Amino acid sequence: MDILAHLISGFGVALTPTNLAIAFFGAFIGTAVGMLPGLGPINGVAILMPLAFAMNFPPESALILLAAVYMGCEYGGRISSILLNVPGDAGAIMTALDGNPLAKQGLAGVALSMSAVASFCGAIIATIGIVFFAPLLASWALSFGPAEYFALMVFAIACLGGMVGDKPVKTLLATMIGLSLATVGVDANSGVYRFTFDDVHLADGIQFVVVVIGLFSVSEILLMLEGTHAGQTLIKQTGRMMFNLREFRATIGTMLRSSVMGFGIGVLPGAGATIASAISYMTTKRLHPDKAFGEGEIRGVAAPEAANNASACGSFIPMLTLGVPGSGTTAVMIGALTLYNITPGPMLFEQQPDVVWGLIASLFVANVVLLLLNIPLIRVFTRMLNTPLWALVPGIAAVSAVGVYAVHATTFDLILAVGLGVFGYILRKMDFPMSALILGFVLGEMLEQNLRRALSISNGDTAILLQSPISVTLWILAVLILIGPPLLRYFRRRKQAA
C-alpha cells in the first residue's frame, strides 16, 4: 500500500500543468532527435540538460523533461530505421531487419504503428516493474561481475548465429569484422596503440556514430543511387496506416515476452537496449521458424521495439537505487542530478520521494503522450517515402554528415564514414548481414573490457569465468544455441530418411 500511495503522490507531481507541458515538449523533441541518424538519446538528453538547468526548473521537472526526451528518442529511432533503413541509434538496428522490408512492400504505416504500440507495451510493463521490483532487481544486478558480463556478451554473440540462419558463415565473418573494428584505439589497460597506423585520429578508436552512419546511411545512399533514377521514389506506399486485429493477435505474445526480457536485461548496468533488442529478436525468430524473418515479418518489428523500450526504462533501476548508470543516457541524467546536489542511491527514495516517484509517474505519462503523438503522425512520417530521390538522398547525406562531424569536429571522421560506407556497400552487394557487423562492433568493446577485468581480478586464472551459477547458466545457453539448430536439422533429416 505504501508503494501505491507513493505512486499516487508521484502522479500528483507529474500531472501538474507545468510538468505535463514539459513532458509533452520533451516527448516531441525526443522523437525528432531520435529520427536523426547518429544522434540518439544520449545526445538528446545532453542537449536538453543545460536548458533545464538554465530555466531554473525544479529537480523533478528537470528529470521529467530528460526522461520524456529519453523515451521520445527510443520511439523516434525506429522511424528512419523503418523508412530509410538507417537506424537512429544502436537499439533500432534490429527493427530495420523487418521494418524496412515492410516499408518496401507498401506497409510502412503498419510497421510504424506496430512499433509504436510495441514500444508503448514494453515501456509500460518495464515501468510497472520499476514500481514493484526496483530494490529486489537492484540487488540482483549487483550479482553481475565482470565474469558474468563476459558470459552475457558471449551469449549475445552466440545468438547472432540465429539471426541469419541460412548464411551462418557470412554472419560469423560479419561479426568478426565488427569485433575487429572494436579493437582499434588505445588499449585501456596497457596504454598501447592498436591498429591506429600512427594516426592520432584513431587513438580514441572508431566511434559508433561513424560506423553506423557509414555502414548503413552511406551504403544506403549508394544503393539508392544505383537502383533508382532521378525523380523516382524508392518505395511505394499503400493507404493502410494501422495494423489490423489479426496482426495484433499474432504479436501480442511476442510483445509481452520481449518486454519482460528487455526489462531484465535493461536492469543490468551497461547491458543496454542493443543487447535486449538483439536477443529478443533472435529468440522470437527461433520460436517461429516457419515465419519469413528478414523479409517483412511483423513480429520482427514488435520484438525489438518492445525490448529496447523496456530496457530503456529498466536502466532507471540501477540509477535510482544504486547510483550506478544503467546506460549511457542515465549516466548523463546522473550528471543532471548532481547539478541539483542530489546523490542517487539507496537513500534517494527516502530523502527525495517527490523526485523519484514524480520521475516514475512521468514515465507512464510520457509513454501515453508518445503513443497519442506518434499514431496520428504516422501519415506524416510515411510522406517521407513520396520525397523524390533527388531531394531525399542529399537530405540523408547532409544529416548524416552533421551527425558524424559532431563527434570530434574533424573531417577525418567524414572521410572514414565514406570509406566504411563503400566497404558496407560491397558487403551488402555480397549479401553480408550488416546488423551482425554492427552488433559485433557494439559488443566487442564490452566483451574485451569485462574479460580483462575478470582476468585481472583472478590474476589471470580463467576459472573465474565459470565460478558463479549465473556464468555457468549463460555458457550452457550459449552452447545450446550454437549446437541446437544443427542437431535439430540432423535429427530431422534422419527422421525423413527413415
Protein backbone atom coordinates (compact mmCIF):
# COMPACT_ATOMS: atom_id res chain seq x y z
CA MET A 1 0.00 0.00 0.00
CA ASP A 2 2.91 2.33 0.68
CA ILE A 3 4.05 1.84 -2.91
CA LEU A 4 0.64 2.79 -4.30
CA ALA A 5 0.46 5.83 -2.02
CA HIS A 6 3.88 6.98 -3.21
CA LEU A 7 2.87 6.37 -6.84
CA ILE A 8 -0.30 8.44 -6.40
CA SER A 9 1.78 11.27 -4.95
CA GLY A 10 4.13 10.90 -7.94
CA PHE A 11 1.21 11.31 -10.33
CA GLY A 12 0.30 14.42 -8.35
CA VAL A 13 3.72 15.81 -9.30
CA ALA A 14 3.75 14.56 -12.92
CA LEU A 15 0.22 15.71 -13.77
CA THR A 16 0.60 19.35 -12.79
CA PRO A 17 0.02 21.57 -15.85
CA THR A 18 3.66 22.68 -15.95
CA ASN A 19 5.13 19.18 -15.74
CA LEU A 20 2.56 17.84 -18.21
CA ALA A 21 3.57 20.53 -20.72
CA ILE A 22 7.25 19.73 -20.06
CA ALA A 23 6.60 16.02 -20.71
CA PHE A 24 4.81 16.80 -23.99
CA PHE A 25 7.62 19.11 -25.12
CA GLY A 26 10.29 16.56 -24.18
CA ALA A 27 8.45 13.73 -25.97
CA PHE A 28 8.14 15.78 -29.16
CA ILE A 29 11.78 16.91 -29.12
CA GLY A 30 12.95 13.39 -28.30
CA THR A 31 11.02 11.91 -31.23
CA ALA A 32 12.54 14.47 -33.60
CA VAL A 33 16.08 13.86 -32.29
CA GLY A 34 15.60 10.07 -32.42
CA MET A 35 14.70 10.27 -36.11
CA LEU A 36 18.07 11.81 -36.98
CA PRO A 37 20.71 9.14 -37.68
CA GLY A 38 23.62 9.15 -35.26
CA LEU A 39 22.23 11.46 -32.57
CA GLY A 40 20.28 9.10 -30.32
CA PRO A 41 19.07 9.50 -26.72
CA ILE A 42 22.43 10.38 -25.19
CA ASN A 43 22.81 13.46 -27.38
CA GLY A 44 19.14 14.38 -26.95
CA VAL A 45 19.37 14.33 -23.16
CA ALA A 46 22.77 16.09 -23.18
CA ILE A 47 21.41 18.89 -25.38
CA LEU A 48 18.34 19.49 -23.18
CA MET A 49 20.10 19.21 -19.80
CA PRO A 50 21.66 22.72 -19.84
CA LEU A 51 18.28 24.14 -20.92
CA ALA A 52 16.53 22.59 -17.91
CA PHE A 53 19.14 23.97 -15.53
CA ALA A 54 19.25 27.41 -17.18
CA MET A 55 15.46 27.79 -16.88
CA ASN A 56 15.63 27.06 -13.13
CA PHE A 57 13.40 24.01 -13.35
CA PRO A 58 12.97 22.22 -10.02
CA PRO A 59 14.75 18.84 -9.97
CA GLU A 60 11.57 16.80 -10.50
CA SER A 61 10.63 18.90 -13.56
CA ALA A 62 14.15 18.64 -14.98
CA LEU A 63 14.10 14.85 -14.62
CA ILE A 64 10.64 14.66 -16.20
CA LEU A 65 11.92 16.63 -19.21
CA LEU A 66 15.00 14.44 -19.63
CA ALA A 67 13.03 11.21 -19.16
CA ALA A 68 10.49 12.32 -21.78
CA VAL A 69 13.33 13.12 -24.21
CA TYR A 70 14.89 9.70 -23.50
CA MET A 71 11.62 7.87 -24.19
CA GLY A 72 10.94 10.03 -27.25
CA CYS A 73 14.36 9.18 -28.73
CA GLU A 74 13.64 5.46 -28.25
CA TYR A 75 10.37 5.91 -30.16
CA GLY A 76 11.89 8.15 -32.84
CA GLY A 77 14.84 5.90 -33.64
CA ARG A 78 12.52 3.43 -35.35
CA ILE A 79 11.22 5.96 -37.91
CA SER A 80 14.37 6.35 -40.02
CA SER A 81 15.16 2.68 -39.39
CA ILE A 82 11.86 1.54 -40.96
CA LEU A 83 11.50 4.15 -43.68
CA LEU A 84 15.12 4.60 -44.80
CA ASN A 85 16.93 1.55 -43.38
CA VAL A 86 19.11 4.00 -41.42
CA PRO A 87 18.88 3.25 -37.65
CA GLY A 88 18.56 6.34 -35.47
CA ASP A 89 20.56 4.62 -32.71
CA ALA A 90 22.01 1.22 -31.83
CA GLY A 91 18.77 -0.05 -30.31
CA ALA A 92 16.93 0.40 -33.63
CA ILE A 93 19.31 -1.76 -35.67
CA MET A 94 17.18 -4.90 -35.30
CA THR A 95 13.98 -3.03 -36.21
CA ALA A 96 15.39 -2.35 -39.68
CA LEU A 97 15.67 -6.06 -40.48
CA ASP A 98 11.91 -6.46 -40.96
CA GLY A 99 10.68 -2.88 -40.72
CA ASN A 100 12.33 -1.71 -43.92
CA PRO A 101 11.16 -4.73 -45.98
CA LEU A 102 7.63 -4.00 -44.74
CA ALA A 103 8.02 -0.40 -45.95
CA LYS A 104 9.21 -1.65 -49.34
CA GLN A 105 6.07 -3.80 -49.53
CA GLY A 106 3.92 -0.70 -49.05
CA LEU A 107 3.26 -1.37 -45.36
CA ALA A 108 5.29 1.45 -43.81
CA GLY A 109 2.27 2.68 -41.84
CA VAL A 110 1.64 -0.82 -40.46
CA ALA A 111 5.27 -1.16 -39.36
CA LEU A 112 5.30 2.30 -37.74
CA SER A 113 2.01 1.75 -35.91
CA MET A 114 3.07 -1.69 -34.68
CA SER A 115 6.41 -0.34 -33.49
CA ALA A 116 4.66 2.49 -31.61
CA VAL A 117 2.31 0.08 -29.82
CA ALA A 118 5.14 -2.38 -29.09
CA SER A 119 7.28 0.46 -27.69
CA PHE A 120 4.37 1.56 -25.51
CA CYS A 121 3.79 -2.00 -24.28
CA GLY A 122 7.47 -2.52 -23.43
CA ALA A 123 7.82 0.81 -21.64
CA ILE A 124 4.63 0.40 -19.57
CA ILE A 125 5.49 -3.15 -18.46
CA ALA A 126 9.01 -2.03 -17.52
CA THR A 127 7.71 0.98 -15.58
CA ILE A 128 5.34 -1.29 -13.63
CA GLY A 129 8.40 -3.43 -12.91
CA ILE A 130 10.23 -0.36 -11.57
CA VAL A 131 7.33 0.40 -9.20
CA PHE A 132 7.13 -3.05 -7.63
CA PHE A 133 10.56 -4.66 -8.04
CA ALA A 134 13.18 -1.88 -8.01
CA PRO A 135 15.00 -2.80 -4.74
CA LEU A 136 14.89 -6.54 -5.50
CA LEU A 137 16.18 -6.17 -9.05
CA ALA A 138 18.88 -3.76 -7.93
CA SER A 139 20.32 -6.40 -5.59
CA TRP A 140 20.12 -8.96 -8.42
CA ALA A 141 22.02 -6.63 -10.76
CA LEU A 142 24.81 -6.36 -8.17
CA SER A 143 25.48 -10.09 -8.52
CA PHE A 144 26.73 -9.47 -12.08
CA GLY A 145 30.50 -9.04 -12.06
CA PRO A 146 32.94 -8.86 -14.98
CA ALA A 147 32.85 -12.66 -15.47
CA GLU A 148 29.05 -12.69 -15.65
CA TYR A 149 29.01 -9.77 -18.08
CA PHE A 150 31.58 -11.53 -20.29
CA ALA A 151 29.38 -14.65 -20.35
CA LEU A 152 26.37 -12.46 -21.20
CA MET A 153 28.25 -10.91 -24.15
CA VAL A 154 29.30 -14.37 -25.39
CA PHE A 155 25.67 -15.48 -25.13
CA ALA A 156 24.55 -12.44 -27.16
CA ILE A 157 27.18 -13.15 -29.84
CA ALA A 158 26.14 -16.82 -29.93
CA CYS A 159 22.60 -15.64 -30.55
CA LEU A 160 23.81 -13.82 -33.67
CA GLY A 161 24.09 -17.20 -35.36
CA GLY A 162 20.32 -17.45 -35.28
CA MET A 163 19.80 -14.07 -36.86
CA VAL A 164 20.58 -15.18 -40.40
CA GLY A 165 20.15 -18.93 -40.28
CA ASP A 166 20.76 -19.56 -43.99
CA LYS A 167 24.03 -17.60 -44.01
CA PRO A 168 25.96 -18.78 -40.91
CA VAL A 169 29.41 -18.28 -42.44
CA LYS A 170 28.70 -14.74 -43.64
CA THR A 171 27.08 -13.91 -40.30
CA LEU A 172 30.16 -15.17 -38.45
CA LEU A 173 32.52 -13.23 -40.74
CA ALA A 174 30.47 -10.03 -40.36
CA THR A 175 30.51 -10.43 -36.57
CA MET A 176 34.29 -10.94 -36.57
CA ILE A 177 34.75 -7.81 -38.71
CA GLY A 178 32.71 -5.87 -36.16
CA LEU A 179 34.74 -7.28 -33.27
CA SER A 180 37.95 -6.35 -35.12
CA LEU A 181 36.83 -2.74 -35.62
CA ALA A 182 36.17 -2.51 -31.88
CA THR A 183 39.85 -3.21 -31.10
CA VAL A 184 41.10 -0.04 -32.85
CA GLY A 185 42.48 2.61 -30.48
CA VAL A 186 44.40 2.83 -27.23
CA ASP A 187 44.24 -0.26 -25.03
CA ALA A 188 42.64 0.96 -21.79
CA ASN A 189 44.71 -1.46 -19.67
CA SER A 190 48.20 -1.17 -21.15
CA GLY A 191 48.04 2.16 -22.99
CA VAL A 192 49.34 0.52 -26.18
CA TYR A 193 48.13 1.90 -29.53
CA ARG A 194 46.40 -0.82 -31.55
CA PHE A 195 45.73 -0.69 -35.30
CA THR A 196 45.89 3.11 -35.39
CA PHE A 197 48.56 3.23 -38.19
CA ASP A 198 50.21 6.10 -36.27
CA ASP A 199 47.18 8.30 -36.92
CA VAL A 200 46.18 10.37 -33.92
CA HIS A 201 42.56 10.48 -35.08
CA LEU A 202 42.22 6.75 -34.38
CA ALA A 203 43.65 6.97 -30.86
CA ASP A 204 40.14 7.05 -29.35
CA GLY A 205 39.00 4.22 -31.57
CA ILE A 206 36.32 4.31 -34.25
CA GLN A 207 33.19 5.92 -32.86
CA PHE A 208 29.87 4.11 -33.07
CA VAL A 209 28.21 7.04 -34.88
CA VAL A 210 30.85 6.92 -37.62
CA VAL A 211 30.44 3.16 -38.07
CA VAL A 212 26.64 3.07 -38.10
CA ILE A 213 26.30 6.06 -40.44
CA GLY A 214 28.99 4.73 -42.76
CA LEU A 215 27.74 1.16 -42.96
CA PHE A 216 24.04 2.00 -43.03
CA SER A 217 23.48 5.57 -44.20
CA VAL A 218 26.27 5.97 -46.79
CA SER A 219 25.83 2.46 -48.18
CA GLU A 220 22.05 3.00 -48.37
CA ILE A 221 22.65 6.20 -50.36
CA LEU A 222 24.86 4.26 -52.78
CA LEU A 223 22.18 1.58 -53.18
CA MET A 224 19.54 4.27 -53.81
CA LEU A 225 21.69 5.87 -56.48
CA GLU A 226 22.34 2.50 -58.07
CA GLY A 227 18.78 1.20 -58.08
CA THR A 228 16.77 4.27 -58.99
CA HIS A 229 16.89 7.22 -61.35
CA ALA A 230 16.32 10.90 -60.58
CA GLY A 231 12.80 11.81 -59.56
CA GLN A 232 11.63 8.23 -58.95
CA THR A 233 10.56 7.23 -55.43
CA LEU A 234 12.22 4.16 -53.98
CA ILE A 235 9.24 2.81 -52.01
CA LYS A 236 5.56 2.84 -52.87
CA GLN A 237 3.08 3.17 -50.04
CA THR A 238 -0.45 1.91 -49.60
CA GLY A 239 -3.36 3.57 -47.84
CA ARG A 240 -3.31 1.32 -44.74
CA MET A 241 -1.74 3.24 -41.87
CA MET A 242 -2.60 0.86 -38.98
CA PHE A 243 -2.10 -2.83 -38.30
CA ASN A 244 -5.25 -4.95 -38.22
CA LEU A 245 -6.68 -7.17 -35.47
CA ARG A 246 -5.10 -10.33 -36.92
CA GLU A 247 -1.64 -8.77 -36.86
CA PHE A 248 -2.16 -7.54 -33.31
CA ARG A 249 -3.21 -11.00 -32.12
CA ALA A 250 -0.16 -12.51 -33.79
CA THR A 251 2.23 -10.13 -32.00
CA ILE A 252 0.69 -9.71 -28.52
CA GLY A 253 2.60 -12.70 -27.09
CA THR A 254 5.81 -11.51 -28.74
CA MET A 255 5.41 -8.03 -27.24
CA LEU A 256 4.78 -9.32 -23.72
CA ARG A 257 7.68 -11.78 -23.81
CA SER A 258 10.10 -9.26 -25.32
CA SER A 259 9.05 -6.60 -22.80
CA VAL A 260 9.89 -8.84 -19.84
CA MET A 261 13.14 -9.96 -21.48
CA GLY A 262 14.18 -6.39 -22.32
CA PHE A 263 13.35 -5.19 -18.82
CA GLY A 264 15.52 -7.89 -17.24
CA ILE A 265 18.47 -7.04 -19.49
CA GLY A 266 17.96 -3.29 -19.01
CA VAL A 267 18.36 -3.63 -15.24
CA LEU A 268 21.95 -4.79 -15.76
CA PRO A 269 24.25 -1.73 -15.74
CA GLY A 270 25.83 -1.26 -19.15
CA ALA A 271 23.94 -4.04 -20.95
CA GLY A 272 21.73 -1.60 -22.87
CA ALA A 273 18.94 -1.69 -25.42
CA THR A 274 21.17 -3.06 -28.18
CA ILE A 275 21.64 -6.42 -26.47
CA ALA A 276 18.00 -6.52 -25.37
CA SER A 277 16.64 -5.93 -28.87
CA ALA A 278 19.08 -8.41 -30.45
CA ILE A 279 18.36 -11.24 -28.01
CA SER A 280 14.59 -10.70 -28.14
CA TYR A 281 14.58 -10.63 -31.96
CA MET A 282 16.59 -13.82 -32.24
CA THR A 283 14.53 -15.56 -29.55
CA THR A 284 11.35 -14.66 -31.45
CA LYS A 285 12.85 -15.94 -34.69
CA ARG A 286 13.71 -19.27 -33.09
CA LEU A 287 10.22 -19.61 -31.63
CA HIS A 288 8.67 -19.04 -35.08
CA PRO A 289 10.92 -20.96 -37.51
CA ASP A 290 8.15 -21.10 -40.11
CA LYS A 291 7.99 -17.30 -40.50
CA ALA A 292 10.00 -15.32 -43.06
CA PHE A 293 12.03 -13.09 -40.75
CA GLY A 294 14.12 -10.54 -42.59
CA GLU A 295 11.57 -10.30 -45.39
CA GLY A 296 8.87 -8.27 -43.67
CA GLU A 297 7.63 -10.30 -40.68
CA ILE A 298 5.55 -8.12 -38.32
CA ARG A 299 6.87 -9.98 -35.24
CA GLY A 300 10.35 -8.87 -36.28
CA VAL A 301 9.25 -5.27 -35.65
CA ALA A 302 7.30 -5.90 -32.44
CA ALA A 303 10.02 -7.89 -30.64
CA PRO A 304 12.98 -5.46 -30.78
CA GLU A 305 10.79 -2.38 -30.26
CA ALA A 306 9.18 -3.79 -27.11
CA ALA A 307 12.56 -4.95 -25.82
CA ASN A 308 14.57 -1.77 -26.39
CA ASN A 309 11.95 0.46 -24.75
CA ALA A 310 11.60 -1.92 -21.81
CA SER A 311 15.39 -1.94 -21.50
CA ALA A 312 15.50 1.87 -21.55
CA CYS A 313 13.02 2.04 -18.65
CA GLY A 314 14.79 -0.79 -16.80
CA SER A 315 18.03 1.18 -16.86
CA PHE A 316 16.48 3.63 -14.39
CA ILE A 317 16.56 0.98 -11.63
CA PRO A 318 20.34 0.88 -11.06
CA MET A 319 20.45 4.67 -11.46
CA LEU A 320 17.81 5.37 -8.80
CA THR A 321 18.58 2.57 -6.33
CA LEU A 322 22.37 2.18 -6.61
CA GLY A 323 23.60 5.42 -8.15
CA VAL A 324 25.06 3.32 -10.99
CA PRO A 325 24.16 4.33 -14.55
CA GLY A 326 22.27 1.56 -16.33
CA SER A 327 23.04 3.09 -19.74
CA GLY A 328 24.92 5.98 -21.30
CA THR A 329 21.77 8.11 -21.18
CA THR A 330 21.15 7.52 -17.48
CA ALA A 331 24.80 8.44 -16.88
CA VAL A 332 24.01 11.88 -18.32
CA MET A 333 20.89 12.04 -16.11
CA ILE A 334 23.01 11.30 -13.03
CA GLY A 335 25.04 14.36 -14.06
CA ALA A 336 21.79 16.35 -14.14
CA LEU A 337 21.01 15.22 -10.58
CA THR A 338 24.43 16.34 -9.38
CA LEU A 339 23.68 19.84 -10.72
CA TYR A 340 20.89 19.94 -8.13
CA ASN A 341 23.13 18.48 -5.38
CA ILE A 342 21.12 15.24 -5.39
CA THR A 343 23.04 12.00 -5.00
CA PRO A 344 21.24 8.96 -6.46
CA GLY A 345 21.42 5.81 -4.38
CA PRO A 346 19.59 3.75 -1.76
CA MET A 347 18.64 6.81 0.35
CA LEU A 348 17.12 8.71 -2.58
CA PHE A 349 13.71 7.03 -2.13
CA GLU A 350 13.58 8.30 1.47
CA GLN A 351 15.25 11.70 1.12
CA GLN A 352 13.72 12.83 -2.21
CA PRO A 353 10.47 10.86 -2.68
CA ASP A 354 8.90 13.62 -4.80
CA VAL A 355 11.78 13.43 -7.28
CA VAL A 356 11.80 9.63 -7.51
CA TRP A 357 8.08 8.97 -7.69
CA GLY A 358 7.48 12.01 -9.86
CA LEU A 359 10.01 10.57 -12.32
CA ILE A 360 8.42 7.11 -12.24
CA ALA A 361 4.92 8.56 -12.75
CA SER A 362 6.25 10.72 -15.59
CA LEU A 363 7.39 7.57 -17.42
CA PHE A 364 3.75 6.46 -17.53
CA VAL A 365 2.65 9.92 -18.65
CA ALA A 366 5.42 10.31 -21.27
CA ASN A 367 4.65 6.97 -22.88
CA VAL A 368 0.93 7.74 -23.13
CA VAL A 369 1.81 11.14 -24.64
CA LEU A 370 4.18 9.48 -27.12
CA LEU A 371 1.58 6.94 -28.21
CA LEU A 372 -1.02 9.68 -28.72
CA LEU A 373 1.57 11.80 -30.52
CA ASN A 374 3.04 9.13 -32.78
CA ILE A 375 -0.07 7.33 -34.04
CA PRO A 376 -1.63 10.44 -35.67
CA LEU A 377 1.77 11.41 -37.14
CA ILE A 378 2.23 8.10 -38.98
CA ARG A 379 0.70 9.52 -42.15
CA VAL A 380 3.09 12.47 -41.89
CA PHE A 381 6.10 10.17 -41.44
CA THR A 382 5.15 8.00 -44.41
CA ARG A 383 5.04 11.11 -46.63
CA MET A 384 8.81 10.85 -46.45
CA LEU A 385 8.50 7.95 -48.89
CA ASN A 386 6.98 10.25 -51.50
CA THR A 387 10.03 12.50 -51.46
CA PRO A 388 11.86 12.25 -54.80
CA LEU A 389 15.32 10.79 -54.53
CA TRP A 390 16.98 13.91 -55.91
CA ALA A 391 15.86 15.61 -52.68
CA LEU A 392 15.93 12.64 -50.30
CA VAL A 393 19.49 11.48 -50.96
CA PRO A 394 21.14 14.90 -50.31
CA GLY A 395 18.98 15.30 -47.21
CA ILE A 396 20.12 11.96 -45.77
CA ALA A 397 23.72 12.78 -46.68
CA ALA A 398 23.56 16.21 -45.00
CA VAL A 399 22.00 14.90 -41.76
CA SER A 400 24.48 12.01 -41.67
CA ALA A 401 27.43 14.36 -42.22
CA VAL A 402 26.29 16.60 -39.35
CA GLY A 403 25.97 13.56 -37.05
CA VAL A 404 29.47 12.35 -37.94
CA TYR A 405 31.12 15.78 -37.74
CA ALA A 406 29.60 16.41 -34.30
CA VAL A 407 31.62 13.54 -32.79
CA HIS A 408 35.09 15.12 -32.95
CA ALA A 409 34.56 18.08 -35.30
CA THR A 410 37.15 16.68 -37.74
CA THR A 411 36.98 15.96 -41.45
CA PHE A 412 38.81 12.68 -40.79
CA ASP A 413 35.60 11.17 -39.39
CA LEU A 414 33.73 12.23 -42.52
CA ILE A 415 36.31 10.56 -44.76
CA LEU A 416 36.30 7.45 -42.56
CA ALA A 417 32.49 7.27 -42.72
CA VAL A 418 32.57 7.44 -46.52
CA GLY A 419 35.25 4.72 -46.62
CA LEU A 420 33.20 2.49 -44.32
CA GLY A 421 30.14 3.27 -46.46
CA VAL A 422 31.86 2.00 -49.61
CA PHE A 423 33.03 -1.08 -47.67
CA GLY A 424 29.48 -1.60 -46.38
CA TYR A 425 28.08 -1.22 -49.90
CA ILE A 426 30.38 -4.00 -51.14
CA LEU A 427 29.42 -6.25 -48.22
CA ARG A 428 25.71 -5.63 -48.82
CA LYS A 429 26.11 -6.47 -52.50
CA MET A 430 27.74 -9.73 -51.36
CA ASP A 431 24.75 -10.34 -49.06
CA PHE A 432 26.58 -9.95 -45.74
CA PRO A 433 24.28 -9.04 -42.79
CA MET A 434 25.18 -5.53 -41.67
CA SER A 435 23.29 -5.90 -38.39
CA ALA A 436 25.64 -8.71 -37.31
CA LEU A 437 28.64 -6.48 -38.06
CA ILE A 438 27.25 -3.56 -36.06
CA LEU A 439 26.29 -5.75 -33.12
CA GLY A 440 29.73 -7.31 -33.15
CA PHE A 441 31.24 -3.82 -33.02
CA VAL A 442 28.96 -2.72 -30.15
CA LEU A 443 29.58 -5.87 -28.12
CA GLY A 444 33.30 -6.04 -28.86
CA GLU A 445 34.41 -3.27 -26.52
CA MET A 446 32.25 -4.52 -23.64
CA LEU A 447 33.39 -8.09 -24.27
CA GLU A 448 37.07 -7.19 -24.09
CA GLN A 449 36.77 -4.88 -21.10
CA ASN A 450 34.89 -7.40 -18.97
CA LEU A 451 37.24 -10.24 -19.91
CA ARG A 452 40.28 -8.14 -18.98
CA ARG A 453 38.69 -7.09 -15.68
CA ALA A 454 37.76 -10.65 -14.77
CA LEU A 455 41.26 -11.91 -15.51
CA SER A 456 42.81 -9.01 -13.58
CA ILE A 457 40.71 -9.84 -10.51
CA SER A 458 41.74 -13.52 -10.66
CA ASN A 459 45.42 -12.87 -11.51
CA GLY A 460 44.96 -14.50 -14.91
CA ASP A 461 43.04 -17.57 -13.72
CA THR A 462 40.41 -18.35 -16.36
CA ALA A 463 38.46 -20.47 -13.87
CA ILE A 464 36.76 -17.27 -12.69
CA LEU A 465 34.71 -17.33 -15.89
CA LEU A 466 32.94 -20.49 -14.67
CA GLN A 467 32.70 -19.94 -10.93
CA SER A 468 29.25 -18.39 -10.49
CA PRO A 469 25.91 -20.11 -11.28
CA ILE A 470 24.95 -17.14 -13.49
CA SER A 471 28.07 -17.56 -15.64
CA VAL A 472 27.62 -21.32 -15.94
CA THR A 473 23.97 -20.89 -16.96
CA LEU A 474 24.86 -18.32 -19.64
CA TRP A 475 27.68 -20.51 -21.00
CA ILE A 476 25.34 -23.52 -21.21
CA LEU A 477 22.70 -21.43 -23.01
CA ALA A 478 25.32 -20.12 -25.47
CA VAL A 479 26.49 -23.67 -26.27
CA LEU A 480 22.90 -24.90 -26.69
CA ILE A 481 22.12 -22.04 -29.08
CA LEU A 482 25.18 -22.87 -31.18
CA ILE A 483 24.76 -26.65 -31.37
CA GLY A 484 20.97 -26.85 -31.05
CA PRO A 485 19.91 -25.90 -34.61
CA PRO A 486 22.46 -28.20 -36.36
CA LEU A 487 21.41 -31.11 -34.12
CA LEU A 488 17.74 -30.47 -34.82
CA ARG A 489 18.40 -30.38 -38.56
CA TYR A 490 20.42 -33.62 -38.30
CA PHE A 491 17.68 -35.49 -36.44
CA ARG A 492 15.04 -34.08 -38.79
CA ARG A 493 16.97 -35.40 -41.82
CA ARG A 494 17.36 -38.82 -40.20
CA LYS A 495 13.66 -38.95 -39.47
CA GLN A 496 12.81 -38.03 -43.06
CA ALA A 497 15.28 -40.63 -44.38
CA ALA A 498 13.73 -43.29 -42.16
